[in-house]
PDB file of all heavy atoms in Angstrom:
ATOM      1  N   VAL A   1    -106.025 -42.933 -16.883  1.00  0.00           N
ATOM      2  CA  VAL A   1    -105.252 -43.683 -15.898  1.00  0.00           C
ATOM      3  C   VAL A   1    -104.435 -44.805 -16.510  1.00  0.00           C
ATOM      4  O   VAL A   1    -103.631 -45.432 -15.808  1.00  0.00           O
ATOM      5  CB  VAL A   1    -106.155 -44.262 -14.789  1.00  0.00           C
ATOM      6  CG1 VAL A   1    -107.022 -43.174 -14.178  1.00  0.00           C
ATOM      7  CG2 VAL A   1    -107.020 -45.401 -15.325  1.00  0.00           C
ATOM      8  N   LYS A   2    -104.616 -45.061 -17.785  1.00  0.00           N
ATOM      9  CA  LYS A   2    -103.913 -46.162 -18.438  1.00  0.00           C
ATOM     10  C   LYS A   2    -102.403 -45.972 -18.324  1.00  0.00           C
ATOM     11  O   LYS A   2    -101.876 -44.897 -18.584  1.00  0.00           O
ATOM     12  CB  LYS A   2    -104.321 -46.266 -19.904  1.00  0.00           C
ATOM     13  CG  LYS A   2    -103.809 -47.523 -20.591  1.00  0.00           C
ATOM     14  CD  LYS A   2    -104.371 -47.659 -21.994  1.00  0.00           C
ATOM     15  CE  LYS A   2    -103.914 -48.951 -22.646  1.00  0.00           C
ATOM     16  NZ  LYS A   2    -104.465 -49.104 -24.010  1.00  0.00           N
ATOM     17  N   GLY A   3    -101.728 -47.032 -17.929  1.00  0.00           N
ATOM     18  CA  GLY A   3    -100.292 -46.979 -17.736  1.00  0.00           C
ATOM     19  C   GLY A   3     -99.889 -46.609 -16.332  1.00  0.00           C
ATOM     20  O   GLY A   3     -98.719 -46.779 -15.960  1.00  0.00           O
ATOM     21  N   ARG A   4    -100.829 -46.105 -15.534  1.00  0.00           N
ATOM     22  CA  ARG A   4    -100.541 -45.721 -14.160  1.00  0.00           C
ATOM     23  C   ARG A   4    -101.257 -46.598 -13.145  1.00  0.00           C
ATOM     24  O   ARG A   4    -100.720 -46.854 -12.065  1.00  0.00           O
ATOM     25  CB  ARG A   4    -100.920 -44.256 -13.919  1.00  0.00           C
ATOM     26  CG  ARG A   4    -100.175 -43.273 -14.798  1.00  0.00           C
ATOM     27  CD  ARG A   4    -100.462 -41.832 -14.386  1.00  0.00           C
ATOM     28  NE  ARG A   4    -101.874 -41.489 -14.557  1.00  0.00           N
ATOM     29  CZ  ARG A   4    -102.674 -41.095 -13.570  1.00  0.00           C
ATOM     30  NH1 ARG A   4    -102.197 -40.982 -12.333  1.00  0.00           N
ATOM     31  NH2 ARG A   4    -103.944 -40.789 -13.817  1.00  0.00           N
ATOM     32  N   PHE A   5    -102.471 -47.030 -13.489  1.00  0.00           N
ATOM     33  CA  PHE A   5    -103.284 -47.844 -12.584  1.00  0.00           C
ATOM     34  C   PHE A   5    -103.336 -49.282 -13.084  1.00  0.00           C
ATOM     35  O   PHE A   5    -103.333 -49.532 -14.295  1.00  0.00           O
ATOM     36  CB  PHE A   5    -104.722 -47.317 -12.501  1.00  0.00           C
ATOM     37  CG  PHE A   5    -104.877 -45.989 -11.815  1.00  0.00           C
ATOM     38  CD1 PHE A   5    -103.782 -45.211 -11.475  1.00  0.00           C
ATOM     39  CD2 PHE A   5    -106.145 -45.517 -11.523  1.00  0.00           C
ATOM     40  CE1 PHE A   5    -103.936 -43.982 -10.851  1.00  0.00           C
ATOM     41  CE2 PHE A   5    -106.319 -44.294 -10.899  1.00  0.00           C
ATOM     42  CZ  PHE A   5    -105.225 -43.525 -10.566  1.00  0.00           C
ATOM     43  N   THR A   6    -103.419 -50.218 -12.155  1.00  0.00           N
ATOM     44  CA  THR A   6    -103.554 -51.623 -12.487  1.00  0.00           C
ATOM     45  C   THR A   6    -104.620 -52.256 -11.608  1.00  0.00           C
ATOM     46  O   THR A   6    -104.549 -52.152 -10.382  1.00  0.00           O
ATOM     47  CB  THR A   6    -102.228 -52.381 -12.303  1.00  0.00           C
ATOM     48  OG1 THR A   6    -101.208 -51.787 -13.109  1.00  0.00           O
ATOM     49  CG2 THR A   6    -102.393 -53.842 -12.715  1.00  0.00           C
ATOM     50  N   ILE A   7    -105.595 -52.904 -12.230  1.00  0.00           N
ATOM     51  CA  ILE A   7    -106.629 -53.596 -11.479  1.00  0.00           C
ATOM     52  C   ILE A   7    -106.310 -55.083 -11.456  1.00  0.00           C
ATOM     53  O   ILE A   7    -105.812 -55.642 -12.433  1.00  0.00           O
ATOM     54  CB  ILE A   7    -108.035 -53.339 -12.069  1.00  0.00           C
ATOM     55  CG1 ILE A   7    -109.118 -53.903 -11.144  1.00  0.00           C
ATOM     56  CG2 ILE A   7    -108.159 -53.915 -13.478  1.00  0.00           C
ATOM     57  CD1 ILE A   7    -110.535 -53.494 -11.534  1.00  0.00           C
ATOM     58  N   SER A   8    -106.591 -55.721 -10.339  1.00  0.00           N
ATOM     59  CA  SER A   8    -106.378 -57.148 -10.195  1.00  0.00           C
ATOM     60  C   SER A   8    -107.485 -57.716  -9.324  1.00  0.00           C
ATOM     61  O   SER A   8    -108.237 -56.969  -8.687  1.00  0.00           O
ATOM     62  CB  SER A   8    -105.003 -57.450  -9.594  1.00  0.00           C
ATOM     63  OG  SER A   8    -104.873 -56.877  -8.305  1.00  0.00           O
ATOM     64  N   LYS A   9    -107.588 -59.032  -9.291  1.00  0.00           N
ATOM     65  CA  LYS A   9    -108.608 -59.651  -8.457  1.00  0.00           C
ATOM     66  C   LYS A   9    -108.132 -60.969  -7.898  1.00  0.00           C
ATOM     67  O   LYS A   9    -107.199 -61.587  -8.407  1.00  0.00           O
ATOM     68  CB  LYS A   9    -109.910 -59.857  -9.248  1.00  0.00           C
ATOM     69  CG  LYS A   9    -109.807 -60.876 -10.371  1.00  0.00           C
ATOM     70  CD  LYS A   9    -111.177 -61.169 -10.970  1.00  0.00           C
ATOM     71  CE  LYS A   9    -111.083 -62.207 -12.077  1.00  0.00           C
ATOM     72  NZ  LYS A   9    -112.423 -62.608 -12.562  1.00  0.00           N
ATOM     73  N   ASP A  10    -108.790 -61.379  -6.837  1.00  0.00           N
ATOM     74  CA  ASP A  10    -108.542 -62.658  -6.199  1.00  0.00           C
ATOM     75  C   ASP A  10    -109.895 -63.327  -6.058  1.00  0.00           C
ATOM     76  O   ASP A  10    -110.684 -62.965  -5.182  1.00  0.00           O
ATOM     77  CB  ASP A  10    -107.874 -62.467  -4.844  1.00  0.00           C
ATOM     78  CG  ASP A  10    -107.465 -63.773  -4.191  1.00  0.00           C
ATOM     79  OD1 ASP A  10    -108.113 -64.807  -4.444  1.00  0.00           O
ATOM     80  OD2 ASP A  10    -106.491 -63.773  -3.422  1.00  0.00           O
ATOM     81  N   ASN A  11    -110.174 -64.287  -6.918  1.00  0.00           N
ATOM     82  CA  ASN A  11    -111.486 -64.933  -6.925  1.00  0.00           C
ATOM     83  C   ASN A  11    -111.797 -65.635  -5.603  1.00  0.00           C
ATOM     84  O   ASN A  11    -112.932 -65.597  -5.127  1.00  0.00           O
ATOM     85  CB  ASN A  11    -111.573 -65.936  -8.073  1.00  0.00           C
ATOM     86  CG  ASN A  11    -111.574 -65.277  -9.431  1.00  0.00           C
ATOM     87  OD1 ASN A  11    -111.938 -64.110  -9.571  1.00  0.00           O
ATOM     88  ND2 ASN A  11    -111.172 -66.027 -10.453  1.00  0.00           N
ATOM     89  N   ALA A  12    -110.802 -66.278  -5.029  1.00  0.00           N
ATOM     90  CA  ALA A  12    -111.016 -67.013  -3.788  1.00  0.00           C
ATOM     91  C   ALA A  12    -111.429 -66.097  -2.648  1.00  0.00           C
ATOM     92  O   ALA A  12    -112.163 -66.502  -1.750  1.00  0.00           O
ATOM     93  CB  ALA A  12    -109.764 -67.796  -3.418  1.00  0.00           C
ATOM     94  N   LYS A  13    -110.963 -64.862  -2.681  1.00  0.00           N
ATOM     95  CA  LYS A  13    -111.264 -63.907  -1.623  1.00  0.00           C
ATOM     96  C   LYS A  13    -112.378 -62.936  -1.989  1.00  0.00           C
ATOM     97  O   LYS A  13    -112.721 -62.063  -1.183  1.00  0.00           O
ATOM     98  CB  LYS A  13    -110.010 -63.120  -1.253  1.00  0.00           C
ATOM     99  CG  LYS A  13    -108.878 -63.971  -0.710  1.00  0.00           C
ATOM    100  CD  LYS A  13    -107.659 -63.122  -0.386  1.00  0.00           C
ATOM    101  CE  LYS A  13    -106.530 -63.967   0.163  1.00  0.00           C
ATOM    102  NZ  LYS A  13    -105.324 -63.151   0.468  1.00  0.00           N
ATOM    103  N   ASN A  14    -112.946 -63.078  -3.188  1.00  0.00           N
ATOM    104  CA  ASN A  14    -113.968 -62.140  -3.679  1.00  0.00           C
ATOM    105  C   ASN A  14    -113.474 -60.704  -3.543  1.00  0.00           C
ATOM    106  O   ASN A  14    -114.187 -59.824  -3.057  1.00  0.00           O
ATOM    107  CB  ASN A  14    -115.288 -62.325  -2.930  1.00  0.00           C
ATOM    108  CG  ASN A  14    -115.938 -63.657  -3.200  1.00  0.00           C
ATOM    109  OD1 ASN A  14    -115.833 -64.202  -4.304  1.00  0.00           O
ATOM    110  ND2 ASN A  14    -116.629 -64.196  -2.208  1.00  0.00           N
ATOM    111  N   ALA A  15    -112.249 -60.489  -3.976  1.00  0.00           N
ATOM    112  CA  ALA A  15    -111.616 -59.191  -3.782  1.00  0.00           C
ATOM    113  C   ALA A  15    -111.053 -58.644  -5.086  1.00  0.00           C
ATOM    114  O   ALA A  15    -110.666 -59.393  -5.981  1.00  0.00           O
ATOM    115  CB  ALA A  15    -110.503 -59.296  -2.748  1.00  0.00           C
ATOM    116  N   ALA A  16    -111.001 -57.316  -5.165  1.00  0.00           N
ATOM    117  CA  ALA A  16    -110.369 -56.625  -6.276  1.00  0.00           C
ATOM    118  C   ALA A  16    -109.493 -55.516  -5.720  1.00  0.00           C
ATOM    119  O   ALA A  16    -109.854 -54.871  -4.734  1.00  0.00           O
ATOM    120  CB  ALA A  16    -111.405 -56.054  -7.234  1.00  0.00           C
ATOM    121  N   ASN A  17    -108.365 -55.306  -6.366  1.00  0.00           N
ATOM    122  CA  ASN A  17    -107.434 -54.273  -5.936  1.00  0.00           C
ATOM    123  C   ASN A  17    -107.177 -53.298  -7.069  1.00  0.00           C
ATOM    124  O   ASN A  17    -107.293 -53.640  -8.245  1.00  0.00           O
ATOM    125  CB  ASN A  17    -106.111 -54.890  -5.484  1.00  0.00           C
ATOM    126  CG  ASN A  17    -106.274 -55.852  -4.331  1.00  0.00           C
ATOM    127  OD1 ASN A  17    -106.896 -55.517  -3.323  1.00  0.00           O
ATOM    128  ND2 ASN A  17    -105.725 -57.048  -4.464  1.00  0.00           N
ATOM    129  N   LEU A  18    -106.837 -52.092  -6.702  1.00  0.00           N
ATOM    130  CA  LEU A  18    -106.453 -51.079  -7.680  1.00  0.00           C
ATOM    131  C   LEU A  18    -105.136 -50.470  -7.226  1.00  0.00           C
ATOM    132  O   LEU A  18    -105.089 -49.736  -6.239  1.00  0.00           O
ATOM    133  CB  LEU A  18    -107.521 -49.993  -7.807  1.00  0.00           C
ATOM    134  CG  LEU A  18    -107.265 -48.944  -8.886  1.00  0.00           C
ATOM    135  CD1 LEU A  18    -107.371 -49.581 -10.279  1.00  0.00           C
ATOM    136  CD2 LEU A  18    -108.247 -47.781  -8.762  1.00  0.00           C
ATOM    137  N   GLN A  19    -104.076 -50.803  -7.942  1.00  0.00           N
ATOM    138  CA  GLN A  19    -102.766 -50.226  -7.673  1.00  0.00           C
ATOM    139  C   GLN A  19    -102.651 -48.932  -8.454  1.00  0.00           C
ATOM    140  O   GLN A  19    -102.739 -48.935  -9.685  1.00  0.00           O
ATOM    141  CB  GLN A  19    -101.655 -51.195  -8.072  1.00  0.00           C
ATOM    142  CG  GLN A  19    -100.247 -50.660  -7.848  1.00  0.00           C
ATOM    143  CD  GLN A  19     -99.931 -50.445  -6.388  1.00  0.00           C
ATOM    144  OE1 GLN A  19    -100.201 -51.306  -5.565  1.00  0.00           O
ATOM    145  NE2 GLN A  19     -99.370 -49.282  -6.066  1.00  0.00           N
ATOM    146  N   MET A  20    -102.464 -47.833  -7.756  1.00  0.00           N
ATOM    147  CA  MET A  20    -102.409 -46.517  -8.374  1.00  0.00           C
ATOM    148  C   MET A  20    -101.007 -45.945  -8.196  1.00  0.00           C
ATOM    149  O   MET A  20    -100.575 -45.694  -7.069  1.00  0.00           O
ATOM    150  CB  MET A  20    -103.448 -45.585  -7.762  1.00  0.00           C
ATOM    151  CG  MET A  20    -104.872 -46.130  -7.817  1.00  0.00           C
ATOM    152  SD  MET A  20    -106.102 -44.935  -7.228  1.00  0.00           S
ATOM    153  CE  MET A  20    -105.622 -44.819  -5.504  1.00  0.00           C
ATOM    154  N   ASN A  21    -100.317 -45.750  -9.302  1.00  0.00           N
ATOM    155  CA  ASN A  21     -98.975 -45.192  -9.297  1.00  0.00           C
ATOM    156  C   ASN A  21     -98.958 -43.851 -10.013  1.00  0.00           C
ATOM    157  O   ASN A  21     -99.867 -43.517 -10.769  1.00  0.00           O
ATOM    158  CB  ASN A  21     -97.994 -46.149  -9.975  1.00  0.00           C
ATOM    159  CG  ASN A  21     -97.877 -47.479  -9.272  1.00  0.00           C
ATOM    160  OD1 ASN A  21     -97.967 -47.561  -8.047  1.00  0.00           O
ATOM    161  ND2 ASN A  21     -97.652 -48.540 -10.046  1.00  0.00           N
ATOM    162  N   SER A  22     -97.898 -43.087  -9.790  1.00  0.00           N
ATOM    163  CA  SER A  22     -97.732 -41.785 -10.433  1.00  0.00           C
ATOM    164  C   SER A  22     -98.989 -40.936 -10.298  1.00  0.00           C
ATOM    165  O   SER A  22     -99.486 -40.358 -11.267  1.00  0.00           O
ATOM    166  CB  SER A  22     -97.358 -41.962 -11.908  1.00  0.00           C
ATOM    167  OG  SER A  22     -96.171 -42.712 -12.044  1.00  0.00           O
ATOM    168  N   LEU A  23     -99.498 -40.854  -9.094  1.00  0.00           N
ATOM    169  CA  LEU A  23    -100.753 -40.157  -8.855  1.00  0.00           C
ATOM    170  C   LEU A  23    -100.635 -38.668  -9.149  1.00  0.00           C
ATOM    171  O   LEU A  23     -99.596 -38.047  -8.919  1.00  0.00           O
ATOM    172  CB  LEU A  23    -101.214 -40.375  -7.424  1.00  0.00           C
ATOM    173  CG  LEU A  23    -101.827 -41.757  -7.170  1.00  0.00           C
ATOM    174  CD1 LEU A  23    -101.862 -42.066  -5.690  1.00  0.00           C
ATOM    175  CD2 LEU A  23    -103.231 -41.814  -7.763  1.00  0.00           C
ATOM    176  N   LYS A  24    -101.725 -38.119  -9.657  1.00  0.00           N
ATOM    177  CA  LYS A  24    -101.824 -36.713 -10.012  1.00  0.00           C
ATOM    178  C   LYS A  24    -102.940 -36.064  -9.206  1.00  0.00           C
ATOM    179  O   LYS A  24    -103.876 -36.738  -8.783  1.00  0.00           O
ATOM    180  CB  LYS A  24    -102.125 -36.557 -11.507  1.00  0.00           C
ATOM    181  CG  LYS A  24    -101.138 -37.251 -12.428  1.00  0.00           C
ATOM    182  CD  LYS A  24    -101.601 -37.155 -13.875  1.00  0.00           C
ATOM    183  CE  LYS A  24    -100.638 -37.846 -14.810  1.00  0.00           C
ATOM    184  NZ  LYS A  24    -101.095 -37.770 -16.226  1.00  0.00           N
ATOM    185  N   PRO A  25    -102.875 -34.748  -9.003  1.00  0.00           N
ATOM    186  CA  PRO A  25    -103.960 -34.078  -8.274  1.00  0.00           C
ATOM    187  C   PRO A  25    -105.333 -34.331  -8.889  1.00  0.00           C
ATOM    188  O   PRO A  25    -106.323 -34.406  -8.153  1.00  0.00           O
ATOM    189  CB  PRO A  25    -103.576 -32.598  -8.364  1.00  0.00           C
ATOM    190  CG  PRO A  25    -102.084 -32.619  -8.432  1.00  0.00           C
ATOM    191  CD  PRO A  25    -101.756 -33.826  -9.279  1.00  0.00           C
ATOM    192  N   GLU A  26    -105.411 -34.472 -10.199  1.00  0.00           N
ATOM    193  CA  GLU A  26    -106.686 -34.730 -10.850  1.00  0.00           C
ATOM    194  C   GLU A  26    -107.241 -36.119 -10.572  1.00  0.00           C
ATOM    195  O   GLU A  26    -108.369 -36.421 -10.948  1.00  0.00           O
ATOM    196  CB  GLU A  26    -106.592 -34.499 -12.367  1.00  0.00           C
ATOM    197  CG  GLU A  26    -105.412 -35.192 -13.018  1.00  0.00           C
ATOM    198  CD  GLU A  26    -104.219 -34.271 -13.214  1.00  0.00           C
ATOM    199  OE1 GLU A  26    -103.877 -33.537 -12.264  1.00  0.00           O
ATOM    200  OE2 GLU A  26    -103.634 -34.275 -14.319  1.00  0.00           O
ATOM    201  N   ASP A  27    -106.462 -36.970  -9.918  1.00  0.00           N
ATOM    202  CA  ASP A  27    -106.959 -38.268  -9.488  1.00  0.00           C
ATOM    203  C   ASP A  27    -107.761 -38.167  -8.196  1.00  0.00           C
ATOM    204  O   ASP A  27    -108.367 -39.160  -7.767  1.00  0.00           O
ATOM    205  CB  ASP A  27    -105.809 -39.257  -9.286  1.00  0.00           C
ATOM    206  CG  ASP A  27    -105.085 -39.586 -10.579  1.00  0.00           C
ATOM    207  OD1 ASP A  27    -105.761 -39.755 -11.617  1.00  0.00           O
ATOM    208  OD2 ASP A  27    -103.845 -39.685 -10.544  1.00  0.00           O
ATOM    209  N   THR A  28    -107.756 -37.015  -7.570  1.00  0.00           N
ATOM    210  CA  THR A  28    -108.488 -36.821  -6.325  1.00  0.00           C
ATOM    211  C   THR A  28    -109.979 -37.060  -6.537  1.00  0.00           C
ATOM    212  O   THR A  28    -110.601 -36.443  -7.406  1.00  0.00           O
ATOM    213  CB  THR A  28    -108.257 -35.412  -5.776  1.00  0.00           C
ATOM    214  OG1 THR A  28    -106.880 -35.256  -5.433  1.00  0.00           O
ATOM    215  CG2 THR A  28    -109.101 -35.163  -4.535  1.00  0.00           C
ATOM    216  N   ALA A  29    -110.553 -37.958  -5.748  1.00  0.00           N
ATOM    217  CA  ALA A  29    -111.959 -38.319  -5.885  1.00  0.00           C
ATOM    218  C   ALA A  29    -112.309 -39.344  -4.820  1.00  0.00           C
ATOM    219  O   ALA A  29    -111.435 -39.874  -4.139  1.00  0.00           O
ATOM    220  CB  ALA A  29    -112.247 -38.900  -7.277  1.00  0.00           C
ATOM    221  N   VAL A  30    -113.599 -39.620  -4.707  1.00  0.00           N
ATOM    222  CA  VAL A  30    -114.045 -40.770  -3.943  1.00  0.00           C
ATOM    223  C   VAL A  30    -114.072 -41.953  -4.897  1.00  0.00           C
ATOM    224  O   VAL A  30    -114.683 -41.878  -5.967  1.00  0.00           O
ATOM    225  CB  VAL A  30    -115.432 -40.556  -3.317  1.00  0.00           C
ATOM    226  CG1 VAL A  30    -115.891 -41.812  -2.594  1.00  0.00           C
ATOM    227  CG2 VAL A  30    -115.399 -39.370  -2.360  1.00  0.00           C
ATOM    228  N   TYR A  31    -113.410 -43.015  -4.525  1.00  0.00           N
ATOM    229  CA  TYR A  31    -113.323 -44.199  -5.364  1.00  0.00           C
ATOM    230  C   TYR A  31    -114.290 -45.259  -4.865  1.00  0.00           C
ATOM    231  O   TYR A  31    -114.318 -45.589  -3.678  1.00  0.00           O
ATOM    232  CB  TYR A  31    -111.893 -44.743  -5.373  1.00  0.00           C
ATOM    233  CG  TYR A  31    -110.969 -43.935  -6.242  1.00  0.00           C
ATOM    234  CD1 TYR A  31    -110.573 -42.657  -5.859  1.00  0.00           C
ATOM    235  CD2 TYR A  31    -110.503 -44.436  -7.459  1.00  0.00           C
ATOM    236  CE1 TYR A  31    -109.748 -41.894  -6.660  1.00  0.00           C
ATOM    237  CE2 TYR A  31    -109.672 -43.687  -8.267  1.00  0.00           C
ATOM    238  CZ  TYR A  31    -109.295 -42.420  -7.861  1.00  0.00           C
ATOM    239  OH  TYR A  31    -108.465 -41.665  -8.663  1.00  0.00           O
ATOM    240  N   TYR A  32    -115.087 -45.792  -5.790  1.00  0.00           N
ATOM    241  CA  TYR A  32    -116.110 -46.773  -5.472  1.00  0.00           C
ATOM    242  C   TYR A  32    -115.830 -48.088  -6.173  1.00  0.00           C
ATOM    243  O   TYR A  32    -115.384 -48.109  -7.317  1.00  0.00           O
ATOM    244  CB  TYR A  32    -117.492 -46.290  -5.918  1.00  0.00           C
ATOM    245  CG  TYR A  32    -117.960 -45.017  -5.265  1.00  0.00           C
ATOM    246  CD1 TYR A  32    -117.663 -43.779  -5.818  1.00  0.00           C
ATOM    247  CD2 TYR A  32    -118.715 -45.062  -4.096  1.00  0.00           C
ATOM    248  CE1 TYR A  32    -118.103 -42.613  -5.225  1.00  0.00           C
ATOM    249  CE2 TYR A  32    -119.157 -43.902  -3.504  1.00  0.00           C
ATOM    250  CZ  TYR A  32    -118.852 -42.680  -4.069  1.00  0.00           C
ATOM    251  OH  TYR A  32    -119.298 -41.521  -3.476  1.00  0.00           O
ATOM    252  N   CYS A  33    -116.124 -49.169  -5.501  1.00  0.00           N
ATOM    253  CA  CYS A  33    -116.027 -50.499  -6.084  1.00  0.00           C
ATOM    254  C   CYS A  33    -117.415 -50.971  -6.504  1.00  0.00           C
ATOM    255  O   CYS A  33    -118.378 -50.826  -5.747  1.00  0.00           O
ATOM    256  CB  CYS A  33    -115.426 -51.481  -5.081  1.00  0.00           C
ATOM    257  SG  CYS A  33    -115.221 -53.162  -5.716  1.00  0.00           S
ATOM    258  N   LYS A  34    -117.506 -51.506  -7.701  1.00  0.00           N
ATOM    259  CA  LYS A  34    -118.753 -52.054  -8.229  1.00  0.00           C
ATOM    260  C   LYS A  34    -118.557 -53.535  -8.520  1.00  0.00           C
ATOM    261  O   LYS A  34    -117.656 -53.906  -9.262  1.00  0.00           O
ATOM    262  CB  LYS A  34    -119.170 -51.318  -9.508  1.00  0.00           C
ATOM    263  CG  LYS A  34    -120.435 -51.859 -10.165  1.00  0.00           C
ATOM    264  CD  LYS A  34    -120.669 -51.166 -11.498  1.00  0.00           C
ATOM    265  CE  LYS A  34    -121.879 -51.705 -12.226  1.00  0.00           C
ATOM    266  NZ  LYS A  34    -122.049 -51.057 -13.557  1.00  0.00           N
ATOM    267  N   VAL A  35    -119.406 -54.349  -7.936  1.00  0.00           N
ATOM    268  CA  VAL A  35    -119.364 -55.789  -8.141  1.00  0.00           C
ATOM    269  C   VAL A  35    -120.632 -56.202  -8.869  1.00  0.00           C
ATOM    270  O   VAL A  35    -121.736 -55.875  -8.428  1.00  0.00           O
ATOM    271  CB  VAL A  35    -119.240 -56.540  -6.803  1.00  0.00           C
ATOM    272  CG1 VAL A  35    -119.217 -58.048  -7.042  1.00  0.00           C
ATOM    273  CG2 VAL A  35    -117.995 -56.097  -6.054  1.00  0.00           C
ATOM    274  N   VAL A  36    -120.479 -56.890  -9.976  1.00  0.00           N
ATOM    275  CA  VAL A  36    -121.619 -57.373 -10.749  1.00  0.00           C
ATOM    276  C   VAL A  36    -121.711 -58.873 -10.598  1.00  0.00           C
ATOM    277  O   VAL A  36    -120.763 -59.600 -10.905  1.00  0.00           O
ATOM    278  CB  VAL A  36    -121.507 -56.986 -12.233  1.00  0.00           C
ATOM    279  CG1 VAL A  36    -122.687 -57.566 -13.017  1.00  0.00           C
ATOM    280  CG2 VAL A  36    -121.469 -55.476 -12.388  1.00  0.00           C
ATOM    281  N   LEU A  37    -122.854 -59.330 -10.114  1.00  0.00           N
ATOM    282  CA  LEU A  37    -123.093 -60.750  -9.907  1.00  0.00           C
ATOM    283  C   LEU A  37    -124.035 -61.300 -10.970  1.00  0.00           C
ATOM    284  O   LEU A  37    -124.966 -60.620 -11.388  1.00  0.00           O
ATOM    285  CB  LEU A  37    -123.712 -61.005  -8.535  1.00  0.00           C
ATOM    286  CG  LEU A  37    -122.999 -60.459  -7.305  1.00  0.00           C
ATOM    287  CD1 LEU A  37    -123.767 -60.872  -6.050  1.00  0.00           C
ATOM    288  CD2 LEU A  37    -121.572 -60.956  -7.245  1.00  0.00           C
ATOM    289  N   ARG A  38    -123.778 -62.518 -11.394  1.00  0.00           N
ATOM    290  CA  ARG A  38    -124.730 -63.230 -12.236  1.00  0.00           C
ATOM    291  C   ARG A  38    -125.645 -63.984 -11.295  1.00  0.00           C
ATOM    292  O   ARG A  38    -125.250 -64.986 -10.692  1.00  0.00           O
ATOM    293  CB  ARG A  38    -124.026 -64.186 -13.201  1.00  0.00           C
ATOM    294  CG  ARG A  38    -125.008 -64.898 -14.139  1.00  0.00           C
ATOM    295  CD  ARG A  38    -124.310 -65.858 -15.079  1.00  0.00           C
ATOM    296  NE  ARG A  38    -123.672 -66.947 -14.372  1.00  0.00           N
ATOM    297  CZ  ARG A  38    -124.296 -68.024 -13.908  1.00  0.00           C
ATOM    298  NH1 ARG A  38    -125.618 -68.147 -14.076  1.00  0.00           N
ATOM    299  NH2 ARG A  38    -123.629 -68.968 -13.282  1.00  0.00           N
ATOM    300  N   THR A  39    -126.860 -63.494 -11.153  1.00  0.00           N
ATOM    301  CA  THR A  39    -127.800 -64.096 -10.228  1.00  0.00           C
ATOM    302  C   THR A  39    -128.237 -65.467 -10.719  1.00  0.00           C
ATOM    303  O   THR A  39    -128.146 -66.457 -10.006  1.00  0.00           O
ATOM    304  CB  THR A  39    -129.030 -63.193 -10.038  1.00  0.00           C
ATOM    305  OG1 THR A  39    -128.607 -61.892  -9.619  1.00  0.00           O
ATOM    306  CG2 THR A  39    -129.961 -63.776  -8.995  1.00  0.00           C
ATOM    307  N   THR A  40    -128.709 -65.507 -11.959  1.00  0.00           N
ATOM    308  CA  THR A  40    -129.088 -66.750 -12.611  1.00  0.00           C
ATOM    309  C   THR A  40    -129.302 -66.470 -14.085  1.00  0.00           C
ATOM    310  O   THR A  40    -129.790 -65.398 -14.464  1.00  0.00           O
ATOM    311  CB  THR A  40    -130.365 -67.361 -11.994  1.00  0.00           C
ATOM    312  OG1 THR A  40    -130.670 -68.598 -12.645  1.00  0.00           O
ATOM    313  CG2 THR A  40    -131.549 -66.421 -12.145  1.00  0.00           C
TER     314      THR A  40
END
């Protein structure tokens, strides 16, 4: 996906985005977000 997808985040909103361009049929999938927290 390098060169086609871009990940970004907004710390204030606890949000992450994935901009996907030039999509291909092989990109078909269920997309999941994973958030890793530092508990302590």
